[in-house]
Amino acid sequence: MSWCWEYVPDEQTVAAGAPPEFIAEVEKKADELVRAAEALHLHGPAFQGADEGARHAFVAGGFFVYMVTARSELVSIWQITPDPVP
């Protein structure tokens, strides 16, 4: 296995209507989260603890909700929320 991130259930559902610049920021931060999780969980599939649950990450233009699942070596992005347009 190899660490990665993905939209759950899929990109079309999670990112529908979000500005492309904001989506790019979300994906850049998701790449950082994958690198951090990989460093923290060197033997991800052997992880025996409980998952940390949902977390929020703030980026330029809004925030997103994600979860790290070490056993699957996966960062899943469940929801993205762009800042409201004034």
N, C-alpha and C. Protein backbone atom coordinates (compact mmCIF):
# COMPACT_ATOMS: atom_id res chain seq x y z
N MET A 1 0.83 -1.19 0.00
CA MET A 1 0.00 0.00 0.00
C MET A 1 0.88 1.25 0.00
N SER A 2 0.26 2.33 -0.37
CA SER A 2 0.96 3.60 -0.36
C SER A 2 -0.03 4.70 0.03
N TRP A 3 0.39 5.60 0.87
CA TRP A 3 -0.47 6.67 1.33
C TRP A 3 -0.99 7.51 0.18
N CYS A 4 -2.27 7.92 0.30
CA CYS A 4 -2.88 8.80 -0.69
C CYS A 4 -4.06 9.52 -0.04
N TRP A 5 -4.67 10.40 -0.78
CA TRP A 5 -5.89 11.05 -0.33
C TRP A 5 -6.93 10.89 -1.41
N GLU A 6 -8.20 10.97 -1.02
CA GLU A 6 -9.28 10.93 -2.00
C GLU A 6 -10.52 11.61 -1.44
N TYR A 7 -11.37 12.04 -2.36
CA TYR A 7 -12.67 12.59 -1.97
C TYR A 7 -13.62 11.42 -1.72
N VAL A 8 -14.43 11.53 -0.67
CA VAL A 8 -15.39 10.47 -0.36
C VAL A 8 -16.78 11.10 -0.26
N PRO A 9 -17.74 10.72 -1.09
CA PRO A 9 -17.73 9.53 -1.94
C PRO A 9 -16.97 9.73 -3.25
N ASP A 10 -16.95 10.98 -3.80
CA ASP A 10 -16.19 11.25 -5.02
C ASP A 10 -16.01 12.76 -5.17
N GLU A 11 -15.12 13.15 -6.06
CA GLU A 11 -14.82 14.57 -6.24
C GLU A 11 -16.04 15.36 -6.70
N GLN A 12 -16.81 14.81 -7.62
CA GLN A 12 -17.97 15.52 -8.15
C GLN A 12 -18.96 15.87 -7.04
N THR A 13 -19.17 14.95 -6.13
CA THR A 13 -20.11 15.19 -5.02
C THR A 13 -19.54 16.17 -4.01
N VAL A 14 -18.29 15.99 -3.61
CA VAL A 14 -17.70 16.79 -2.54
C VAL A 14 -17.36 18.20 -3.00
N ALA A 15 -16.86 18.35 -4.21
CA ALA A 15 -16.36 19.65 -4.67
C ALA A 15 -17.32 20.39 -5.60
N ALA A 16 -18.52 19.90 -5.75
CA ALA A 16 -19.48 20.51 -6.67
C ALA A 16 -19.66 22.00 -6.40
N GLY A 17 -19.42 22.81 -7.42
CA GLY A 17 -19.65 24.24 -7.33
C GLY A 17 -18.56 25.06 -6.65
N ALA A 18 -17.55 24.42 -6.12
CA ALA A 18 -16.47 25.17 -5.44
C ALA A 18 -15.55 25.81 -6.49
N PRO A 19 -15.03 26.99 -6.18
CA PRO A 19 -14.12 27.66 -7.12
C PRO A 19 -12.84 26.83 -7.34
N PRO A 20 -12.36 26.79 -8.56
CA PRO A 20 -11.15 26.01 -8.86
C PRO A 20 -9.94 26.40 -8.01
N GLU A 21 -9.79 27.69 -7.69
CA GLU A 21 -8.66 28.14 -6.89
C GLU A 21 -8.73 27.54 -5.48
N PHE A 22 -9.95 27.46 -4.95
CA PHE A 22 -10.15 26.88 -3.62
C PHE A 22 -9.87 25.38 -3.65
N ILE A 23 -10.35 24.70 -4.67
CA ILE A 23 -10.10 23.26 -4.80
C ILE A 23 -8.59 23.00 -4.87
N ALA A 24 -7.86 23.84 -5.58
CA ALA A 24 -6.41 23.68 -5.67
C ALA A 24 -5.77 23.81 -4.29
N GLU A 25 -6.25 24.74 -3.46
CA GLU A 25 -5.72 24.90 -2.09
C GLU A 25 -6.04 23.68 -1.24
N VAL A 26 -7.25 23.15 -1.38
CA VAL A 26 -7.64 21.94 -0.63
C VAL A 26 -6.72 20.79 -1.01
N GLU A 27 -6.49 20.60 -2.30
CA GLU A 27 -5.67 19.48 -2.76
C GLU A 27 -4.20 19.64 -2.36
N LYS A 28 -3.72 20.88 -2.33
CA LYS A 28 -2.35 21.13 -1.87
C LYS A 28 -2.21 20.75 -0.39
N LYS A 29 -3.19 21.16 0.42
CA LYS A 29 -3.17 20.82 1.84
C LYS A 29 -3.34 19.32 2.03
N ALA A 30 -4.16 18.67 1.22
CA ALA A 30 -4.34 17.21 1.31
C ALA A 30 -3.01 16.50 1.05
N ASP A 31 -2.23 16.99 0.11
CA ASP A 31 -0.90 16.41 -0.14
C ASP A 31 -0.02 16.53 1.10
N GLU A 32 -0.07 17.68 1.77
CA GLU A 32 0.70 17.87 3.01
C GLU A 32 0.24 16.92 4.11
N LEU A 33 -1.07 16.75 4.22
CA LEU A 33 -1.61 15.84 5.24
C LEU A 33 -1.17 14.40 4.99
N VAL A 34 -1.11 14.00 3.74
CA VAL A 34 -0.64 12.65 3.40
C VAL A 34 0.81 12.48 3.82
N ARG A 35 1.65 13.46 3.52
CA ARG A 35 3.06 13.36 3.90
C ARG A 35 3.22 13.28 5.42
N ALA A 36 2.44 14.07 6.15
CA ALA A 36 2.51 14.06 7.61
C ALA A 36 2.03 12.73 8.18
N ALA A 37 0.93 12.21 7.65
CA ALA A 37 0.39 10.93 8.14
C ALA A 37 1.36 9.79 7.84
N GLU A 38 1.98 9.84 6.68
CA GLU A 38 2.95 8.80 6.31
C GLU A 38 4.14 8.81 7.28
N ALA A 39 4.59 10.00 7.68
CA ALA A 39 5.71 10.11 8.61
C ALA A 39 5.31 9.66 10.02
N LEU A 40 4.08 9.95 10.40
CA LEU A 40 3.60 9.59 11.74
C LEU A 40 3.29 8.10 11.87
N HIS A 41 2.73 7.53 10.81
CA HIS A 41 2.32 6.12 10.83
C HIS A 41 3.19 5.33 9.84
N LEU A 42 4.43 5.06 10.24
CA LEU A 42 5.37 4.39 9.34
C LEU A 42 4.89 3.01 8.91
N HIS A 43 4.13 2.35 9.75
CA HIS A 43 3.61 1.01 9.45
C HIS A 43 2.09 1.05 9.49
N GLY A 44 1.50 1.90 8.66
CA GLY A 44 0.07 2.14 8.67
C GLY A 44 -0.82 0.92 8.73
N PRO A 45 -0.64 -0.07 7.84
CA PRO A 45 -1.54 -1.23 7.87
C PRO A 45 -1.49 -2.02 9.17
N ALA A 46 -0.41 -1.89 9.94
CA ALA A 46 -0.29 -2.60 11.21
C ALA A 46 -0.84 -1.78 12.38
N PHE A 47 -1.33 -0.58 12.11
CA PHE A 47 -1.84 0.29 13.17
C PHE A 47 -2.99 -0.38 13.90
N GLN A 48 -2.95 -0.38 15.24
CA GLN A 48 -3.96 -1.06 16.04
C GLN A 48 -4.88 -0.10 16.80
N GLY A 49 -4.55 1.17 16.83
CA GLY A 49 -5.34 2.12 17.59
C GLY A 49 -6.61 2.54 16.87
N ALA A 50 -7.37 3.40 17.54
CA ALA A 50 -8.59 3.94 16.95
C ALA A 50 -8.24 5.11 16.04
N ASP A 51 -9.02 5.29 15.00
CA ASP A 51 -8.84 6.45 14.14
C ASP A 51 -9.17 7.71 14.95
N GLU A 52 -8.57 8.82 14.57
CA GLU A 52 -8.73 10.06 15.31
C GLU A 52 -10.08 10.72 15.08
N GLY A 53 -10.80 10.31 14.08
CA GLY A 53 -12.08 10.94 13.77
C GLY A 53 -11.92 12.11 12.82
N ALA A 54 -13.02 12.77 12.56
CA ALA A 54 -13.03 13.88 11.61
C ALA A 54 -12.27 15.08 12.16
N ARG A 55 -11.60 15.76 11.25
CA ARG A 55 -10.85 16.97 11.59
C ARG A 55 -11.14 18.03 10.54
N HIS A 56 -10.83 19.27 10.88
CA HIS A 56 -11.00 20.39 9.96
C HIS A 56 -9.63 20.94 9.59
N ALA A 57 -9.48 21.32 8.34
CA ALA A 57 -8.27 22.00 7.88
C ALA A 57 -8.70 23.29 7.20
N PHE A 58 -8.05 24.38 7.59
CA PHE A 58 -8.38 25.68 7.02
C PHE A 58 -7.33 26.06 5.98
N VAL A 59 -7.81 26.50 4.83
CA VAL A 59 -6.95 26.91 3.73
C VAL A 59 -7.47 28.24 3.20
N ALA A 60 -6.69 28.86 2.33
CA ALA A 60 -7.14 30.11 1.71
C ALA A 60 -8.46 29.86 0.99
N GLY A 61 -9.46 30.60 1.37
CA GLY A 61 -10.75 30.48 0.69
C GLY A 61 -11.77 29.60 1.38
N GLY A 62 -11.43 29.00 2.54
CA GLY A 62 -12.42 28.17 3.24
C GLY A 62 -11.78 27.08 4.08
N PHE A 63 -12.50 25.98 4.23
CA PHE A 63 -11.99 24.86 5.01
C PHE A 63 -12.54 23.55 4.46
N PHE A 64 -11.98 22.44 4.97
CA PHE A 64 -12.52 21.13 4.58
C PHE A 64 -12.45 20.18 5.76
N VAL A 65 -13.26 19.13 5.68
CA VAL A 65 -13.35 18.10 6.72
C VAL A 65 -12.69 16.84 6.16
N TYR A 66 -11.81 16.24 6.97
CA TYR A 66 -11.08 15.06 6.52
C TYR A 66 -10.89 14.08 7.67
N MET A 67 -10.45 12.89 7.33
CA MET A 67 -10.10 11.89 8.34
C MET A 67 -8.90 11.09 7.85
N VAL A 68 -8.01 10.77 8.77
CA VAL A 68 -6.85 9.93 8.48
C VAL A 68 -7.18 8.51 8.95
N THR A 69 -7.06 7.55 8.05
CA THR A 69 -7.26 6.15 8.39
C THR A 69 -5.94 5.43 8.15
N ALA A 70 -5.19 5.23 9.22
CA ALA A 70 -3.83 4.69 9.10
C ALA A 70 -3.83 3.29 8.49
N ARG A 71 -4.75 2.44 8.90
CA ARG A 71 -4.75 1.05 8.39
C ARG A 71 -4.93 0.99 6.88
N SER A 72 -5.64 1.96 6.33
CA SER A 72 -5.85 2.02 4.88
C SER A 72 -4.86 2.95 4.19
N GLU A 73 -4.00 3.60 4.97
CA GLU A 73 -3.06 4.59 4.46
C GLU A 73 -3.79 5.61 3.58
N LEU A 74 -4.84 6.18 4.17
CA LEU A 74 -5.74 7.05 3.41
C LEU A 74 -6.11 8.29 4.21
N VAL A 75 -6.08 9.43 3.53
CA VAL A 75 -6.68 10.66 4.03
C VAL A 75 -7.92 10.88 3.19
N SER A 76 -9.09 10.82 3.81
CA SER A 76 -10.34 10.99 3.06
C SER A 76 -10.91 12.38 3.33
N ILE A 77 -11.32 13.03 2.25
CA ILE A 77 -11.91 14.37 2.33
C ILE A 77 -13.41 14.21 2.12
N TRP A 78 -14.17 14.58 3.14
CA TRP A 78 -15.62 14.37 3.12
C TRP A 78 -16.41 15.59 2.69
N GLN A 79 -15.91 16.77 3.04
CA GLN A 79 -16.67 17.99 2.76
C GLN A 79 -15.70 19.14 2.56
N ILE A 80 -15.96 19.98 1.57
CA ILE A 80 -15.20 21.22 1.41
C ILE A 80 -16.20 22.37 1.47
N THR A 81 -15.80 23.44 2.14
CA THR A 81 -16.68 24.58 2.34
C THR A 81 -15.93 25.86 2.00
N PRO A 82 -16.22 26.43 0.82
CA PRO A 82 -15.58 27.70 0.49
C PRO A 82 -16.19 28.83 1.30
N ASP A 83 -15.40 29.88 1.52
CA ASP A 83 -15.92 31.08 2.18
C ASP A 83 -17.06 31.64 1.32
N PRO A 84 -18.06 32.21 1.98
CA PRO A 84 -19.14 32.82 1.18
C PRO A 84 -18.62 34.00 0.38
N VAL A 85 -19.18 34.16 -0.77
CA VAL A 85 -18.80 35.28 -1.64
C VAL A 85 -19.58 36.50 -1.17
N PRO A 86 -18.87 37.61 -0.88
CA PRO A 86 -19.58 38.82 -0.41
C PRO A 86 -20.48 39.42 -1.44
